[in-house]
């Protein structure tokens, strides 16, 4: 509680004599707006007053909010947090009520999955609400698991070129854009082979973005690409990052499909790099995660593995762009 002195009361209410001050102090005490600070002692005047007073804060009437939380929310919403934190409820009330309205009156819509932004707009009329901290906080305070909203996250559309829809076929995921375009030009020239391997579908992985794209693989590709009999290959830079992308991709989706390195291309990269000189290869960018598992190396000869390890140890790398359309 805050303190206020007799002098401050006199100045605040612009009182011009002691009797008026006395009457005002007594009135404030009767109205339970202040109470004496007895340790401040009396002022020695008649009638006497204490020299200082505690300001009594008005108690807010929260009964309307307590009743609302107790009786007007859907059973699936937990109101325990807000009942114990009325101040926070008043801050969140607008958003909590919108969630309550949706779950009470439109819960049938949860049977059909929606993207995160679509569901967010449907509930709160803000498409980014669920991605913001405020949206996550509202769900947590209401005891609602985000899975209950039956949403899915969207990824960047997967870019690919289809040479044939016949199955089974070989599908090749390419890390970099330039290599994707060069390989696509090769396939579009009425030749379905890249380095002697028939490729039915060419996929642009876009580096680490491939992880997000592959999570929704079956939703964003043509039916022939989901055939379990297809063989899937990956081709990227020979550096720590490129190898880790392959190993993580292969490990993450091992239960759905086996992904192998496109060895023909990697072997050609090594051959050209060795001819130019490993010491003449570009410097690897700093800060790369070097924790490769070693799964990548299982597909190559010991001599090739030794060359790759020497390359990595020297801080060099071989970009996919060492190969061009004529090599394919």
Protein backbone atom coordinates (compact mmCIF):
# COMPACT_ATOMS: atom_id res chain seq x y z
CA UNK A 1 0.00 0.00 0.00
CA UNK A 2 1.07 3.57 -0.65
CA UNK A 3 1.52 6.15 2.07
CA UNK A 4 0.29 9.72 2.08
CA UNK A 5 1.16 12.41 4.63
CA UNK A 6 -1.12 15.00 6.19
CA UNK A 7 0.67 17.71 4.21
CA UNK A 8 0.05 15.81 0.95
CA UNK A 9 -3.66 15.40 1.78
CA UNK A 10 -3.87 19.14 2.50
CA UNK A 11 -2.24 20.00 -0.83
CA UNK A 12 -4.22 17.42 -2.82
CA UNK A 13 -7.62 18.69 -1.63
CA UNK A 14 -6.54 22.38 -1.42
CA UNK A 15 -7.64 22.78 2.19
CA UNK A 16 -7.03 26.22 3.74
CA UNK A 17 -7.48 25.50 7.48
CA UNK A 18 -6.86 22.74 9.97
CA UNK A 19 -10.55 22.04 10.72
CA UNK A 20 -11.22 21.42 7.00
CA UNK A 21 -8.19 19.09 6.93
CA UNK A 22 -9.46 17.22 9.97
CA UNK A 23 -12.95 16.82 8.50
CA UNK A 24 -11.52 15.56 5.19
CA UNK A 25 -9.24 13.00 6.87
CA UNK A 26 -12.07 11.66 9.01
CA UNK A 27 -14.32 11.43 5.91
CA UNK A 28 -11.64 9.51 3.98
CA UNK A 29 -11.24 7.11 6.92
CA UNK A 30 -15.03 6.56 7.11
CA UNK A 31 -15.12 5.91 3.36
CA UNK A 32 -12.34 3.32 3.85
CA UNK A 33 -10.09 5.15 1.43
CA UNK A 34 -7.29 5.64 3.96
CA UNK A 35 -6.27 4.27 7.36
CA UNK A 36 -3.77 5.70 9.88
CA UNK A 37 -0.13 4.70 9.93
CA UNK A 38 -0.01 4.48 13.72
CA UNK A 39 3.76 4.35 13.74
CA UNK A 40 3.75 7.89 12.32
CA UNK A 41 2.39 9.21 15.68
CA UNK A 42 -0.14 11.97 16.33
CA UNK A 43 0.55 15.53 15.25
CA UNK A 44 -0.10 17.06 18.72
CA UNK A 45 -2.95 19.27 17.60
CA UNK A 46 -6.56 19.27 18.74
CA UNK A 47 -8.38 17.36 17.47
CA UNK A 48 -5.34 15.19 16.82
CA UNK A 49 -4.54 13.43 13.54
CA UNK A 50 -1.87 10.90 12.63
CA UNK A 51 0.94 12.32 10.55
CA UNK A 52 0.63 9.68 7.76
CA UNK A 53 -1.99 7.28 6.29
CA UNK A 54 -2.12 4.16 4.14
CA UNK A 55 -4.06 4.56 0.89
CA UNK A 56 -6.55 1.69 0.64
CA UNK A 57 -6.82 0.46 -2.92
CA UNK A 58 -10.33 -0.19 -4.14
CA UNK A 59 -11.17 -3.84 -4.53
CA UNK A 60 -12.32 -4.63 -8.02
CA UNK A 61 -15.54 -6.54 -8.46
CA UNK A 62 -14.52 -9.52 -10.59
CA UNK A 63 -17.68 -11.51 -10.03
CA UNK A 64 -18.80 -11.07 -13.67
CA UNK A 65 -15.54 -12.62 -14.93
CA UNK A 66 -15.64 -15.44 -12.39
CA UNK A 67 -19.21 -16.27 -13.41
CA UNK A 68 -18.25 -16.16 -17.09
CA UNK A 69 -15.31 -18.50 -16.57
CA UNK A 70 -17.32 -20.85 -14.37
CA UNK A 71 -20.39 -21.28 -16.54
CA UNK A 72 -19.94 -19.97 -20.08
CA UNK A 73 -16.92 -21.84 -21.40
CA UNK A 74 -16.91 -25.06 -23.40
CA UNK A 75 -16.12 -28.15 -21.25
CA UNK A 76 -12.96 -28.84 -23.28
CA UNK A 77 -11.47 -25.50 -22.20
CA UNK A 78 -9.76 -25.45 -18.81
CA UNK A 79 -10.53 -22.22 -16.96
CA UNK A 80 -8.42 -23.00 -13.88
CA UNK A 81 -5.56 -20.71 -14.87
CA UNK A 82 -7.78 -17.71 -15.53
CA UNK A 83 -9.85 -18.23 -12.38
CA UNK A 84 -6.61 -17.88 -10.44
CA UNK A 85 -5.30 -15.02 -12.59
CA UNK A 86 -8.20 -12.66 -13.26
CA UNK A 87 -5.88 -9.83 -14.32
CA UNK A 88 -4.44 -12.01 -17.12
CA UNK A 89 -7.95 -13.12 -18.08
CA UNK A 90 -9.05 -9.54 -18.61
CA UNK A 91 -6.03 -9.03 -20.88
CA UNK A 92 -6.70 -12.25 -22.85
CA UNK A 93 -10.50 -12.25 -22.65
CA UNK A 94 -11.15 -11.10 -26.24
CA UNK A 95 -9.07 -13.97 -27.66
CA UNK A 96 -10.20 -16.60 -25.16
CA UNK A 97 -13.85 -15.85 -25.96
CA UNK A 98 -13.23 -16.21 -29.70
CA UNK A 99 -11.65 -19.62 -29.09
CA UNK A 100 -14.57 -20.55 -26.85
CA UNK A 101 -17.10 -19.48 -29.49
CA UNK A 102 -15.41 -21.61 -32.14
CA UNK A 103 -15.17 -24.72 -29.97
CA UNK A 104 -18.76 -24.37 -28.74
CA UNK A 105 -20.45 -23.49 -32.00
CA UNK A 106 -18.19 -24.71 -34.80
CA UNK A 107 -16.44 -27.79 -33.41
CA UNK A 108 -17.80 -29.84 -36.35
CA UNK A 109 -15.35 -27.96 -38.59
CA UNK A 110 -12.46 -29.55 -36.71
CA UNK A 111 -13.25 -32.86 -38.41
CA UNK A 112 -11.62 -31.55 -41.57
CA UNK A 113 -7.93 -30.53 -41.42
CA UNK A 114 -7.01 -26.94 -42.27
CA UNK A 115 -3.71 -25.15 -42.68
CA UNK A 116 -2.48 -23.32 -39.60
CA UNK A 117 -3.16 -19.88 -41.07
CA UNK A 118 -6.64 -20.83 -42.28
CA UNK A 119 -7.68 -22.24 -38.89
CA UNK A 120 -6.12 -19.27 -37.14
CA UNK A 121 -8.20 -16.84 -39.19
CA UNK A 122 -11.35 -18.91 -38.73
CA UNK A 123 -11.02 -18.73 -34.94
CA UNK A 124 -9.42 -15.34 -34.24
CA UNK A 125 -9.78 -13.47 -37.57
CA UNK A 126 -5.97 -13.18 -37.61
CA UNK A 127 -4.18 -15.53 -40.00
CA UNK A 128 -0.83 -15.38 -38.13
CA UNK A 129 -2.29 -15.58 -34.60
CA UNK A 130 -1.33 -19.22 -33.96
CA UNK A 131 2.25 -18.61 -35.05
CA UNK A 132 2.66 -15.70 -32.64
CA UNK A 133 3.55 -16.04 -28.96
CA UNK A 134 0.16 -14.63 -27.97
CA UNK A 135 -1.68 -17.42 -29.78
CA UNK A 136 0.48 -20.12 -28.22
CA UNK A 137 -0.06 -18.52 -24.80
CA UNK A 138 -3.85 -18.45 -25.17
CA UNK A 139 -3.94 -22.17 -26.06
CA UNK A 140 -1.68 -23.05 -23.13
CA UNK A 141 -3.71 -21.03 -20.63
CA UNK A 142 -6.91 -22.61 -21.94
CA UNK A 143 -5.43 -26.10 -21.69
CA UNK A 144 -5.93 -26.75 -25.41
CA UNK A 145 -3.40 -28.90 -27.24
CA UNK A 146 -2.72 -27.54 -30.73
CA UNK A 147 -3.38 -31.02 -32.18
CA UNK A 148 -7.04 -30.58 -31.20
CA UNK A 149 -7.35 -27.85 -33.83
CA UNK A 150 -6.54 -30.42 -36.56
CA UNK A 151 -4.12 -28.23 -38.46
CA UNK A 152 -1.21 -28.86 -40.77
CA UNK A 153 1.76 -26.63 -41.55
CA UNK A 154 2.34 -25.67 -45.16
CA UNK A 155 5.73 -25.86 -46.85
CA UNK A 156 7.16 -24.27 -49.94
CA UNK A 157 5.76 -26.12 -52.98
CA UNK A 158 8.09 -28.85 -54.19
CA UNK A 159 9.56 -27.99 -57.60
CA UNK A 160 10.05 -30.95 -59.91
CA UNK A 161 10.22 -31.94 -63.57
CA UNK A 162 8.49 -35.11 -64.80
CA UNK A 163 10.11 -36.94 -67.70
CA UNK A 164 7.78 -39.93 -67.42
CA UNK A 165 4.94 -41.06 -65.16
CA UNK A 166 5.68 -44.73 -65.67
CA UNK A 167 6.52 -46.69 -62.54
CA UNK A 168 8.71 -47.93 -61.05
CA UNK A 169 11.16 -45.20 -61.93
CA UNK A 170 14.28 -43.43 -60.67
CA UNK A 171 13.69 -40.07 -58.95
CA UNK A 172 16.59 -37.72 -58.35
CA UNK A 173 16.65 -34.96 -55.72
CA UNK A 174 19.12 -32.17 -56.52
CA UNK A 175 20.40 -29.74 -53.89
CA UNK A 176 21.16 -26.66 -56.00
CA UNK A 177 19.11 -24.69 -58.52
CA UNK A 178 21.72 -24.41 -61.30
CA UNK A 179 22.25 -28.17 -61.36
CA UNK A 180 18.47 -28.75 -61.37
CA UNK A 181 18.08 -26.51 -64.44
CA UNK A 182 21.00 -28.11 -66.29
CA UNK A 183 19.71 -31.61 -65.62
CA UNK A 184 16.21 -30.58 -66.64
CA UNK A 185 17.56 -29.23 -69.94
CA UNK A 186 19.22 -32.58 -70.48
CA UNK A 187 15.95 -34.46 -69.85
CA UNK A 188 13.94 -32.05 -72.01
CA UNK A 189 16.23 -32.74 -74.96
CA UNK A 190 14.47 -36.07 -75.48
CA UNK A 191 17.11 -37.95 -73.51
CA UNK A 192 15.90 -39.62 -70.35
CA UNK A 193 19.33 -40.53 -68.97
CA UNK A 194 21.69 -38.57 -66.76
CA UNK A 195 25.17 -40.08 -66.62
CA UNK A 196 23.74 -43.31 -68.01
CA UNK A 197 20.94 -43.57 -65.43
CA UNK A 198 17.33 -43.22 -66.58
CA UNK A 199 15.65 -40.49 -64.52
CA UNK A 200 11.85 -40.34 -64.51
CA UNK A 201 11.41 -37.35 -62.19
CA UNK A 202 13.86 -34.61 -61.21
CA UNK A 203 13.21 -32.83 -57.89
CA UNK A 204 14.67 -29.51 -56.69
CA UNK A 205 15.55 -29.98 -53.01
CA UNK A 206 16.66 -26.38 -52.28
CA UNK A 207 19.20 -27.32 -49.61
CA UNK A 208 17.80 -27.79 -46.11
CA UNK A 209 14.30 -26.87 -47.33
CA UNK A 210 14.01 -30.45 -48.59
CA UNK A 211 13.20 -31.64 -45.05
CA UNK A 212 10.07 -29.50 -44.82
CA UNK A 213 9.01 -30.34 -48.35
CA UNK A 214 9.37 -34.08 -47.84
CA UNK A 215 7.19 -34.02 -44.71
CA UNK A 216 4.25 -33.27 -47.00
CA UNK A 217 5.63 -35.23 -49.94
CA UNK A 218 2.50 -37.28 -50.57
CA UNK A 219 0.32 -34.14 -50.46
CA UNK A 220 2.23 -32.03 -52.98
CA UNK A 221 3.36 -34.46 -55.68
CA UNK A 222 1.74 -36.47 -58.44
CA UNK A 223 0.53 -40.01 -57.69
CA UNK A 224 3.29 -41.74 -59.66
CA UNK A 225 5.93 -40.18 -57.38
CA UNK A 226 4.56 -41.88 -54.27
CA UNK A 227 4.96 -45.39 -55.70
CA UNK A 228 6.97 -47.38 -53.12
CA UNK A 229 8.70 -49.26 -55.92
CA UNK A 230 10.45 -46.09 -57.13
CA UNK A 231 14.16 -45.63 -56.43
CA UNK A 232 15.10 -42.27 -54.90
CA UNK A 233 18.55 -40.68 -55.21
CA UNK A 234 20.07 -37.54 -53.72
CA UNK A 235 22.78 -35.33 -55.19
CA UNK A 236 24.37 -32.34 -53.45
CA UNK A 237 27.65 -30.52 -52.80
CA UNK A 238 30.54 -32.50 -51.34
CA UNK A 239 30.95 -30.63 -48.07
CA UNK A 240 29.84 -31.24 -44.50
CA UNK A 241 26.48 -29.55 -45.03
CA UNK A 242 25.70 -31.42 -48.25
CA UNK A 243 26.59 -34.78 -46.69
CA UNK A 244 24.58 -34.06 -43.54
CA UNK A 245 21.54 -33.09 -45.63
CA UNK A 246 21.71 -36.46 -47.36
CA UNK A 247 22.25 -38.45 -44.14
CA UNK A 248 19.47 -36.66 -42.26
CA UNK A 249 17.06 -37.01 -45.20
CA UNK A 250 17.82 -40.74 -45.54
CA UNK A 251 17.46 -41.33 -41.79
CA UNK A 252 14.27 -39.27 -41.38
CA UNK A 253 12.38 -41.04 -44.16
CA UNK A 254 13.95 -44.51 -43.94
CA UNK A 255 10.61 -46.09 -42.95
CA UNK A 256 8.88 -44.62 -46.01
CA UNK A 257 11.52 -44.95 -48.73
CA UNK A 258 15.21 -45.71 -49.12
CA UNK A 259 17.24 -42.75 -50.37
CA UNK A 260 20.71 -43.32 -51.85
CA UNK A 261 23.42 -40.92 -53.04
CA UNK A 262 23.54 -40.46 -56.82
CA UNK A 263 26.99 -42.04 -56.94
CA UNK A 264 27.55 -41.54 -60.69
CA UNK A 265 27.48 -37.75 -60.24
CA UNK A 266 29.56 -37.73 -57.05
CA UNK A 267 32.21 -39.92 -58.70
CA UNK A 268 32.42 -37.52 -61.65
CA UNK A 269 32.79 -34.59 -59.25
CA UNK A 270 35.68 -36.32 -57.51
CA UNK A 271 37.32 -37.20 -60.82
CA UNK A 272 37.24 -33.61 -62.11
CA UNK A 273 38.29 -32.16 -58.73
CA UNK A 274 41.25 -34.55 -58.51
CA UNK A 275 42.30 -33.57 -62.02
CA UNK A 276 42.12 -29.84 -61.17
CA UNK A 277 43.73 -30.46 -57.77
CA UNK A 278 42.00 -30.74 -54.40
CA UNK A 279 44.09 -27.81 -53.18
CA UNK A 280 42.47 -25.66 -55.87
CA UNK A 281 38.93 -26.32 -54.71
CA UNK A 282 37.01 -23.43 -53.03
CA UNK A 283 37.11 -22.85 -49.28
CA UNK A 284 34.23 -24.28 -47.31
CA UNK A 285 32.11 -21.62 -45.59
CA UNK A 286 32.88 -21.22 -41.89
CA UNK A 287 30.69 -22.60 -39.12
CA UNK A 288 29.48 -25.73 -40.89
CA UNK A 289 28.33 -28.58 -38.68
CA UNK A 290 30.94 -31.31 -39.17
CA UNK A 291 29.09 -34.08 -37.32
CA UNK A 292 28.56 -36.42 -40.24
CA UNK A 293 27.44 -39.95 -39.32
CA UNK A 294 29.37 -41.74 -42.06
CA UNK A 295 26.35 -43.36 -43.76
CA UNK A 296 27.19 -41.42 -46.93
CA UNK A 297 30.60 -43.09 -47.23
CA UNK A 298 29.14 -46.62 -47.40
CA UNK A 299 28.29 -46.11 -51.07
CA UNK A 300 31.84 -45.31 -52.22
CA UNK A 301 35.16 -47.10 -52.59
CA UNK A 302 37.81 -46.67 -49.92
CA UNK A 303 39.93 -44.58 -52.29
CA UNK A 304 36.98 -42.22 -52.94
CA UNK A 305 36.26 -41.98 -49.21
CA UNK A 306 39.90 -41.08 -48.55
CA UNK A 307 39.73 -38.28 -51.15
CA UNK A 308 36.50 -36.89 -49.64
CA UNK A 309 37.90 -36.96 -46.10
CA UNK A 310 41.13 -35.27 -47.23
CA UNK A 311 39.02 -32.61 -48.93
CA UNK A 312 36.93 -31.97 -45.81
CA UNK A 313 39.93 -31.98 -43.48
CA UNK A 314 41.59 -29.32 -45.63
CA UNK A 315 38.53 -27.05 -45.35
CA UNK A 316 37.73 -27.34 -49.05
CA UNK A 317 34.56 -28.45 -50.83
CA UNK A 318 33.36 -29.47 -54.27
CA UNK A 319 30.21 -27.67 -55.47
CA UNK A 320 27.70 -29.39 -57.71
CA UNK A 321 28.39 -26.71 -60.27
CA UNK A 322 31.72 -28.39 -61.07
CA UNK A 323 29.48 -30.43 -63.43
CA UNK A 324 27.51 -28.90 -66.28
CA UNK A 325 25.04 -30.11 -68.89
CA UNK A 326 27.71 -31.69 -71.08
CA UNK A 327 28.81 -33.86 -68.14
CA UNK A 328 25.28 -35.11 -67.64
